[in-house]
Structures are given as structure tokens and as C-alpha cells.
């Protein structure tokens, strides 16, 4: 299921995620540090949501309270919540 998430507190403005059967199939960041975010997207594609959450949740960027990886977790959680609400 495709979901677009509006980030908060990061340079990336949006994250598009595709989650299927508890697996993150694809993540595409819009804005932010292009090279780093392409690398993150490549590394997490095919990763289970539980593992993704354990590894990336709570990561901070400098003095910010969040980061693009942390926002990716929030995007996946929002996508799952939307799907479960249908």
C-alpha cells in the first residue's frame, strides 16, 4: 500500500512509502540530503517493519528532536494505521 507522509522537523518534506504484509517495499524521500536518503532507502527496502522500527526509531539529527530515519518510522506507522482503519 502506497502512502505519502508529510514530515515534521526534517529537511525532507515528504516520504512516500510502500508497505505490504509487514515489509517496507520502498521508501522515497522528497527533499533533504539526496545521497544519504537514497542510501537509507536502498538499505531499508525489503526490511520488516518491526526491525525498521527497532533500528531507526528515535534517531536524532544534530539538535533536532527527530531525523529523516525517525520520520521514516513514523511514515510507516501512519501507513499501517491508515490501512488498519479501512
PDB file of N, CA and C in Angstrom:
ATOM      1  N   UNK A   1       0.831  -1.159   0.000  1.00  0.00           N
ATOM      2  CA  UNK A   1       0.000   0.000   0.000  1.00  0.00           C
ATOM      3  C   UNK A   1       0.891   1.243   0.000  1.00  0.00           C
ATOM      4  N   UNK A   2       0.606   2.137  -0.915  1.00  0.00           N
ATOM      5  CA  UNK A   2       1.354   3.382  -1.051  1.00  0.00           C
ATOM      6  C   UNK A   2       0.795   4.414  -0.074  1.00  0.00           C
ATOM      7  N   UNK A   3       1.693   5.171   0.572  1.00  0.00           N
ATOM      8  CA  UNK A   3       1.278   6.216   1.500  1.00  0.00           C
ATOM      9  C   UNK A   3       2.275   7.360   1.416  1.00  0.00           C
ATOM     10  N   UNK A   4       1.764   8.588   1.365  1.00  0.00           N
ATOM     11  CA  UNK A   4       2.627   9.781   1.392  1.00  0.00           C
ATOM     12  C   UNK A   4       2.514  10.422   2.762  1.00  0.00           C
ATOM     13  N   UNK A   5       3.677  10.642   3.388  1.00  0.00           N
ATOM     14  CA  UNK A   5       3.744  11.188   4.741  1.00  0.00           C
ATOM     15  C   UNK A   5       4.406  12.559   4.706  1.00  0.00           C
ATOM     16  N   UNK A   6       3.765  13.547   5.311  1.00  0.00           N
ATOM     17  CA  UNK A   6       4.343  14.893   5.449  1.00  0.00           C
ATOM     18  C   UNK A   6       5.211  14.893   6.695  1.00  0.00           C
ATOM     19  N   UNK A   7       6.504  15.074   6.511  1.00  0.00           N
ATOM     20  CA  UNK A   7       7.430  15.020   7.643  1.00  0.00           C
ATOM     21  C   UNK A   7       7.326  16.263   8.515  1.00  0.00           C
ATOM     22  N   UNK A   8       7.853  16.139   9.717  1.00  0.00           N
ATOM     23  CA  UNK A   8       7.913  17.260  10.657  1.00  0.00           C
ATOM     24  C   UNK A   8       9.317  17.342  11.231  1.00  0.00           C
ATOM     25  N   UNK A   9       9.923  18.515  11.126  1.00  0.00           N
ATOM     26  CA  UNK A   9      11.215  18.750  11.762  1.00  0.00           C
ATOM     27  C   UNK A   9      12.419  18.245  10.996  1.00  0.00           C
ATOM     28  N   UNK A  10      12.258  17.937   9.696  1.00  0.00           N
ATOM     29  CA  UNK A  10      13.397  17.476   8.906  1.00  0.00           C
ATOM     30  C   UNK A  10      13.487  18.259   7.601  1.00  0.00           C
ATOM     31  N   UNK A  11      14.602  18.120   6.933  1.00  0.00           N
ATOM     32  CA  UNK A  11      14.797  18.794   5.642  1.00  0.00           C
ATOM     33  C   UNK A  11      13.943  18.160   4.552  1.00  0.00           C
ATOM     34  N   UNK A  12      13.762  16.856   4.610  1.00  0.00           N
ATOM     35  CA  UNK A  12      12.881  16.191   3.650  1.00  0.00           C
ATOM     36  C   UNK A  12      11.449  16.617   3.949  1.00  0.00           C
ATOM     37  N   UNK A  13      10.712  16.981   2.910  1.00  0.00           N
ATOM     38  CA  UNK A  13       9.345  17.458   3.102  1.00  0.00           C
ATOM     39  C   UNK A  13       8.312  16.351   3.156  1.00  0.00           C
ATOM     40  N   UNK A  14       8.548  15.292   2.375  1.00  0.00           N
ATOM     41  CA  UNK A  14       7.621  14.172   2.295  1.00  0.00           C
ATOM     42  C   UNK A  14       8.406  12.881   2.197  1.00  0.00           C
ATOM     43  N   UNK A  15       7.756  11.797   2.611  1.00  0.00           N
ATOM     44  CA  UNK A  15       8.293  10.463   2.385  1.00  0.00           C
ATOM     45  C   UNK A  15       7.156   9.627   1.805  1.00  0.00           C
ATOM     46  N   UNK A  16       7.413   9.003   0.658  1.00  0.00           N
ATOM     47  CA  UNK A  16       6.473   8.049   0.084  1.00  0.00           C
ATOM     48  C   UNK A  16       6.922   6.658   0.517  1.00  0.00           C
ATOM     49  N   UNK A  17       6.002   5.888   1.076  1.00  0.00           N
ATOM     50  CA  UNK A  17       6.330   4.525   1.481  1.00  0.00           C
ATOM     51  C   UNK A  17       5.352   3.548   0.843  1.00  0.00           C
ATOM     52  N   UNK A  18       5.841   2.363   0.611  1.00  0.00           N
ATOM     53  CA  UNK A  18       5.020   1.266   0.121  1.00  0.00           C
ATOM     54  C   UNK A  18       5.240   0.106   1.086  1.00  0.00           C
ATOM     55  N   UNK A  19       4.207  -0.209   1.852  1.00  0.00           N
ATOM     56  CA  UNK A  19       4.279  -1.254   2.868  1.00  0.00           C
ATOM     57  C   UNK A  19       3.324  -2.371   2.464  1.00  0.00           C
ATOM     58  N   UNK A  20       3.821  -3.604   2.535  1.00  0.00           N
ATOM     59  CA  UNK A  20       2.995  -4.747   2.163  1.00  0.00           C
ATOM     60  C   UNK A  20       3.327  -5.925   3.074  1.00  0.00           C
ATOM     61  N   UNK A  21       2.317  -6.437   3.753  1.00  0.00           N
ATOM     62  CA  UNK A  21       2.471  -7.616   4.620  1.00  0.00           C
ATOM     63  C   UNK A  21       3.600  -7.454   5.645  1.00  0.00           C
ATOM     64  N   UNK A  22       3.677  -6.266   6.263  1.00  0.00           N
ATOM     65  CA  UNK A  22       4.680  -6.030   7.299  1.00  0.00           C
ATOM     66  C   UNK A  22       6.086  -5.798   6.789  1.00  0.00           C
ATOM     67  N   UNK A  23       6.218  -5.571   5.490  1.00  0.00           N
ATOM     68  CA  UNK A  23       7.524  -5.337   4.859  1.00  0.00           C
ATOM     69  C   UNK A  23       7.503  -3.975   4.172  1.00  0.00           C
ATOM     70  N   UNK A  24       8.557  -3.194   4.388  1.00  0.00           N
ATOM     71  CA  UNK A  24       8.703  -1.934   3.673  1.00  0.00           C
ATOM     72  C   UNK A  24       9.269  -2.253   2.299  1.00  0.00           C
ATOM     73  N   UNK A  25       8.455  -2.119   1.284  1.00  0.00           N
ATOM     74  CA  UNK A  25       8.879  -2.436  -0.081  1.00  0.00           C
ATOM     75  C   UNK A  25       9.732  -1.317  -0.675  1.00  0.00           C
ATOM     76  N   UNK A  26       9.352  -0.056  -0.370  1.00  0.00           N
ATOM     77  CA  UNK A  26      10.062   1.077  -0.948  1.00  0.00           C
ATOM     78  C   UNK A  26       9.837   2.315  -0.102  1.00  0.00           C
ATOM     79  N   UNK A  27      10.861   3.158  -0.037  1.00  0.00           N
ATOM     80  CA  UNK A  27      10.762   4.462   0.617  1.00  0.00           C
ATOM     81  C   UNK A  27      11.436   5.485  -0.292  1.00  0.00           C
ATOM     82  N   UNK A  28      10.731   6.580  -0.559  1.00  0.00           N
ATOM     83  CA  UNK A  28      11.276   7.645  -1.393  1.00  0.00           C
ATOM     84  C   UNK A  28      11.137   8.957  -0.621  1.00  0.00           C
ATOM     85  N   UNK A  29      12.279   9.590  -0.366  1.00  0.00           N
ATOM     86  CA  UNK A  29      12.306  10.874   0.335  1.00  0.00           C
ATOM     87  C   UNK A  29      12.271  11.995  -0.687  1.00  0.00           C
ATOM     88  N   UNK A  30      11.533  13.057  -0.375  1.00  0.00           N
ATOM     89  CA  UNK A  30      11.457  14.241  -1.234  1.00  0.00           C
ATOM     90  C   UNK A  30      12.065  15.401  -0.463  1.00  0.00           C
ATOM     91  N   UNK A  31      13.210  15.877  -0.929  1.00  0.00           N
ATOM     92  CA  UNK A  31      13.956  16.917  -0.237  1.00  0.00           C
ATOM     93  C   UNK A  31      15.002  16.274   0.657  1.00  0.00           C
ATOM     94  N   UNK A  32      15.761  17.089   1.346  1.00  0.00           N
ATOM     95  CA  UNK A  32      16.767  16.571   2.257  1.00  0.00           C
ATOM     96  C   UNK A  32      18.079  16.261   1.563  1.00  0.00           C
ATOM     97  N   UNK A  33      18.924  15.510   2.235  1.00  0.00           N
ATOM     98  CA  UNK A  33      20.266  15.152   1.752  1.00  0.00           C
ATOM     99  C   UNK A  33      20.156  13.990   0.773  1.00  0.00           C
ATOM    100  N   UNK A  34      20.109  14.296  -0.495  1.00  0.00           N
ATOM    101  CA  UNK A  34      19.773  13.326  -1.526  1.00  0.00           C
ATOM    102  C   UNK A  34      20.589  12.030  -1.449  1.00  0.00           C
ATOM    103  N   UNK A  35      21.886  12.126  -1.397  1.00  0.00           N
ATOM    104  CA  UNK A  35      22.724  10.922  -1.383  1.00  0.00           C
ATOM    105  C   UNK A  35      22.471  10.061  -0.158  1.00  0.00           C
ATOM    106  N   UNK A  36      22.439  10.681   1.009  1.00  0.00           N
ATOM    107  CA  UNK A  36      22.203   9.933   2.235  1.00  0.00           C
ATOM    108  C   UNK A  36      20.825   9.278   2.246  1.00  0.00           C
ATOM    109  N   UNK A  37      19.831  10.011   1.773  1.00  0.00           N
ATOM    110  CA  UNK A  37      18.474   9.468   1.801  1.00  0.00           C
ATOM    111  C   UNK A  37      18.270   8.383   0.755  1.00  0.00           C
ATOM    112  N   UNK A  38      18.970   8.462  -0.370  1.00  0.00           N
ATOM    113  CA  UNK A  38      18.931   7.355  -1.322  1.00  0.00           C
ATOM    114  C   UNK A  38      19.552   6.108  -0.710  1.00  0.00           C
ATOM    115  N   UNK A  39      20.629   6.296   0.032  1.00  0.00           N
ATOM    116  CA  UNK A  39      21.285   5.161   0.687  1.00  0.00           C
ATOM    117  C   UNK A  39      20.359   4.533   1.730  1.00  0.00           C
ATOM    118  N   UNK A  40      19.727   5.360   2.544  1.00  0.00           N
ATOM    119  CA  UNK A  40      18.794   4.839   3.548  1.00  0.00           C
ATOM    120  C   UNK A  40      17.677   4.065   2.862  1.00  0.00           C
ATOM    121  N   UNK A  41      17.116   4.629   1.799  1.00  0.00           N
ATOM    122  CA  UNK A  41      16.034   3.964   1.071  1.00  0.00           C
ATOM    123  C   UNK A  41      16.470   2.597   0.561  1.00  0.00           C
ATOM    124  N   UNK A  42      17.661   2.529   0.004  1.00  0.00           N
ATOM    125  CA  UNK A  42      18.186   1.262  -0.517  1.00  0.00           C
ATOM    126  C   UNK A  42      18.395   0.253   0.604  1.00  0.00           C
ATOM    127  N   UNK A  43      18.928   0.700   1.724  1.00  0.00           N
ATOM    128  CA  UNK A  43      19.218  -0.203   2.841  1.00  0.00           C
ATOM    129  C   UNK A  43      17.961  -0.756   3.507  1.00  0.00           C
ATOM    130  N   UNK A  44      16.896   0.021   3.557  1.00  0.00           N
ATOM    131  CA  UNK A  44      15.693  -0.423   4.270  1.00  0.00           C
ATOM    132  C   UNK A  44      14.669  -1.117   3.381  1.00  0.00           C
ATOM    133  N   UNK A  45      14.810  -1.014   2.068  1.00  0.00           N
ATOM    134  CA  UNK A  45      13.866  -1.687   1.170  1.00  0.00           C
ATOM    135  C   UNK A  45      13.920  -3.186   1.415  1.00  0.00           C
ATOM    136  N   UNK A  46      12.760  -3.776   1.646  1.00  0.00           N
ATOM    137  CA  UNK A  46      12.668  -5.197   1.935  1.00  0.00           C
ATOM    138  C   UNK A  46      12.768  -5.537   3.413  1.00  0.00           C
ATOM    139  N   UNK A  47      12.974  -4.535   4.251  1.00  0.00           N
ATOM    140  CA  UNK A  47      13.116  -4.748   5.690  1.00  0.00           C
ATOM    141  C   UNK A  47      11.746  -4.870   6.349  1.00  0.00           C
ATOM    142  N   UNK A  48      11.651  -5.724   7.333  1.00  0.00           N
ATOM    143  CA  UNK A  48      10.428  -5.847   8.104  1.00  0.00           C
ATOM    144  C   UNK A  48      10.191  -4.595   8.932  1.00  0.00           C
ATOM    145  N   UNK A  49       8.928  -4.271   9.118  1.00  0.00           N
ATOM    146  CA  UNK A  49       8.555  -3.059   9.846  1.00  0.00           C
ATOM    147  C   UNK A  49       9.076  -3.098  11.284  1.00  0.00           C
ATOM    148  N   UNK A  50       9.013  -4.236  11.920  1.00  0.00           N
ATOM    149  CA  UNK A  50       9.480  -4.344  13.309  1.00  0.00           C
ATOM    150  C   UNK A  50      10.981  -4.056  13.400  1.00  0.00           C
ATOM    151  N   UNK A  51      11.763  -4.639  12.510  1.00  0.00           N
ATOM    152  CA  UNK A  51      13.204  -4.403  12.506  1.00  0.00           C
ATOM    153  C   UNK A  51      13.513  -2.945  12.181  1.00  0.00           C
ATOM    154  N   UNK A  52      12.801  -2.387  11.214  1.00  0.00           N
ATOM    155  CA  UNK A  52      12.971  -0.987  10.842  1.00  0.00           C
ATOM    156  C   UNK A  52      12.746  -0.083  12.054  1.00  0.00           C
ATOM    157  N   UNK A  53      11.673  -0.357  12.778  1.00  0.00           N
ATOM    158  CA  UNK A  53      11.343   0.444  13.961  1.00  0.00           C
ATOM    159  C   UNK A  53      12.435   0.331  15.017  1.00  0.00           C
ATOM    160  N   UNK A  54      12.909  -0.872  15.273  1.00  0.00           N
ATOM    161  CA  UNK A  54      13.954  -1.084  16.277  1.00  0.00           C
ATOM    162  C   UNK A  54      15.239  -0.346  15.917  1.00  0.00           C
ATOM    163  N   UNK A  55      15.589  -0.338  14.651  1.00  0.00           N
ATOM    164  CA  UNK A  55      16.859   0.259  14.234  1.00  0.00           C
ATOM    165  C   UNK A  55      16.821   1.781  14.077  1.00  0.00           C
ATOM    166  N   UNK A  56      15.685   2.334  13.638  1.00  0.00           N
ATOM    167  CA  UNK A  56      15.668   3.747  13.257  1.00  0.00           C
ATOM    168  C   UNK A  56      14.881   4.671  14.180  1.00  0.00           C
ATOM    169  N   UNK A  57      13.997   4.117  14.984  1.00  0.00           N
ATOM    170  CA  UNK A  57      13.165   4.960  15.842  1.00  0.00           C
ATOM    171  C   UNK A  57      14.016   5.707  16.865  1.00  0.00           C
ATOM    172  N   UNK A  58      13.759   6.997  16.959  1.00  0.00           N
ATOM    173  CA  UNK A  58      14.441   7.810  17.964  1.00  0.00           C
ATOM    174  C   UNK A  58      15.753   8.418  17.527  1.00  0.00           C
ATOM    175  N   UNK A  59      16.224   8.117  16.324  1.00  0.00           N
ATOM    176  CA  UNK A  59      17.461   8.729  15.841  1.00  0.00           C
ATOM    177  C   UNK A  59      17.223  10.225  15.684  1.00  0.00           C
ATOM    178  N   UNK A  60      18.201  11.006  16.139  1.00  0.00           N
ATOM    179  CA  UNK A  60      18.096  12.460  16.060  1.00  0.00           C
ATOM    180  C   UNK A  60      19.122  13.009  15.085  1.00  0.00           C
ATOM    181  N   UNK A  61      18.817  14.161  14.514  1.00  0.00           N
ATOM    182  CA  UNK A  61      19.717  14.845  13.588  1.00  0.00           C
ATOM    183  C   UNK A  61      20.205  16.116  14.283  1.00  0.00           C
ATOM    184  N   UNK A  62      21.452  16.094  14.689  1.00  0.00           N
ATOM    185  CA  UNK A  62      22.002  17.249  15.397  1.00  0.00           C
ATOM    186  C   UNK A  62      21.203  17.561  16.640  1.00  0.00           C
ATOM    187  N   UNK A  63      20.748  18.801  16.740  1.00  0.00           N
ATOM    188  CA  UNK A  63      19.977  19.233  17.899  1.00  0.00           C
ATOM    189  C   UNK A  63      18.477  19.044  17.726  1.00  0.00           C
ATOM    190  N   UNK A  64      18.073  18.540  16.570  1.00  0.00           N
ATOM    191  CA  UNK A  64      16.653  18.317  16.313  1.00  0.00           C
ATOM    192  C   UNK A  64      16.157  17.130  17.127  1.00  0.00           C
ATOM    193  N   UNK A  65      14.883  17.110  17.390  1.00  0.00           N
ATOM    194  CA  UNK A  65      14.276  16.028  18.168  1.00  0.00           C
ATOM    195  C   UNK A  65      13.965  14.801  17.309  1.00  0.00           C
ATOM    196  N   UNK A  66      14.201  14.900  16.010  1.00  0.00           N
ATOM    197  CA  UNK A  66      13.883  13.822  15.079  1.00  0.00           C
ATOM    198  C   UNK A  66      14.926  13.814  13.974  1.00  0.00           C
ATOM    199  N   UNK A  67      14.744  12.943  12.998  1.00  0.00           N
ATOM    200  CA  UNK A  67      15.631  12.846  11.845  1.00  0.00           C
ATOM    201  C   UNK A  67      14.842  12.226  10.699  1.00  0.00           C
ATOM    202  N   UNK A  68      15.428  12.178   9.523  1.00  0.00           N
ATOM    203  CA  UNK A  68      14.750  11.529   8.405  1.00  0.00           C
ATOM    204  C   UNK A  68      14.514  10.037   8.672  1.00  0.00           C
ATOM    205  N   UNK A  69      15.480   9.295   9.234  1.00  0.00           N
ATOM    206  CA  UNK A  69      15.193   7.896   9.565  1.00  0.00           C
ATOM    207  C   UNK A  69      14.064   7.752  10.591  1.00  0.00           C
ATOM    208  N   UNK A  70      14.039   8.610  11.593  1.00  0.00           N
ATOM    209  CA  UNK A  70      12.970   8.580  12.597  1.00  0.00           C
ATOM    210  C   UNK A  70      11.627   8.911  11.950  1.00  0.00           C
ATOM    211  N   UNK A  71      11.617   9.869  11.029  1.00  0.00           N
ATOM    212  CA  UNK A  71      10.388  10.224  10.330  1.00  0.00           C
ATOM    213  C   UNK A  71       9.936   9.089   9.399  1.00  0.00           C
ATOM    214  N   UNK A  72      10.881   8.324   8.880  1.00  0.00           N
ATOM    215  CA  UNK A  72      10.522   7.160   8.074  1.00  0.00           C
ATOM    216  C   UNK A  72       9.728   6.157   8.909  1.00  0.00           C
ATOM    217  N   UNK A  73      10.157   5.935  10.132  1.00  0.00           N
ATOM    218  CA  UNK A  73       9.413   5.051  11.035  1.00  0.00           C
ATOM    219  C   UNK A  73       7.996   5.585  11.229  1.00  0.00           C
ATOM    220  N   UNK A  74       7.873   6.878  11.450  1.00  0.00           N
ATOM    221  CA  UNK A  74       6.548   7.482  11.645  1.00  0.00           C
ATOM    222  C   UNK A  74       5.696   7.350  10.381  1.00  0.00           C
ATOM    223  N   UNK A  75       6.323   7.467   9.216  1.00  0.00           N
ATOM    224  CA  UNK A  75       5.597   7.307   7.953  1.00  0.00           C
ATOM    225  C   UNK A  75       5.051   5.891   7.817  1.00  0.00           C
ATOM    226  N   UNK A  76       5.871   4.913   8.133  1.00  0.00           N
ATOM    227  CA  UNK A  76       5.442   3.514   8.041  1.00  0.00           C
ATOM    228  C   UNK A  76       4.328   3.241   9.043  1.00  0.00           C
ATOM    229  N   UNK A  77       4.465   3.755  10.258  1.00  0.00           N
ATOM    230  CA  UNK A  77       3.425   3.569  11.278  1.00  0.00           C
ATOM    231  C   UNK A  77       2.104   4.211  10.833  1.00  0.00           C
ATOM    232  N   UNK A  78       2.184   5.386  10.222  1.00  0.00           N
ATOM    233  CA  UNK A  78       0.981   6.071   9.747  1.00  0.00           C
ATOM    234  C   UNK A  78       0.326   5.279   8.611  1.00  0.00           C
ATOM    235  N   UNK A  79       1.149   4.734   7.725  1.00  0.00           N
ATOM    236  CA  UNK A  79       0.623   3.928   6.619  1.00  0.00           C
ATOM    237  C   UNK A  79      -0.107   2.698   7.138  1.00  0.00           C
ATOM    238  N   UNK A  80       0.477   2.033   8.120  1.00  0.00           N
ATOM    239  CA  UNK A  80      -0.150   0.842   8.697  1.00  0.00           C
ATOM    240  C   UNK A  80      -1.434   1.206   9.415  1.00  0.00           C
ATOM    241  N   UNK A  81      -1.417   2.308  10.152  1.00  0.00           N
ATOM    242  CA  UNK A  81      -2.626   2.748  10.875  1.00  0.00           C
ATOM    243  C   UNK A  81      -3.747   3.068   9.895  1.00  0.00           C
ATOM    244  N   UNK A  82      -3.417   3.701   8.776  1.00  0.00           N
ATOM    245  CA  UNK A  82      -4.424   4.014   7.767  1.00  0.00           C
ATOM    246  C   UNK A  82      -5.002   2.735   7.185  1.00  0.00           C
ATOM    247  N   UNK A  83      -4.148   1.782   6.885  1.00  0.00           N
ATOM    248  CA  UNK A  83      -4.602   0.527   6.288  1.00  0.00           C
ATOM    249  C   UNK A  83      -5.493  -0.236   7.261  1.00  0.00           C
ATOM    250  N   UNK A  84      -5.131  -0.224   8.535  1.00  0.00           N
ATOM    251  CA  UNK A  84      -5.928  -0.935   9.542  1.00  0.00           C
ATOM    252  C   UNK A  84      -7.265  -0.238   9.790  1.00  0.00           C
ATOM    253  N   UNK A  85      -7.341   1.075   9.528  1.00  0.00           N
ATOM    254  CA  UNK A  85      -8.559   1.835   9.726  1.00  0.00           C
ATOM    255  C   UNK A  85      -9.575   1.667   8.617  1.00  0.00           C
ATOM    256  N   UNK A  86      -9.174   1.036   7.538  1.00  0.00           N
ATOM    257  CA  UNK A  86     -10.099   0.848   6.400  1.00  0.00           C
ATOM    258  C   UNK A  86     -11.133  -0.200   6.681  1.00  0.00           C
TER     259      UNK A  86
END
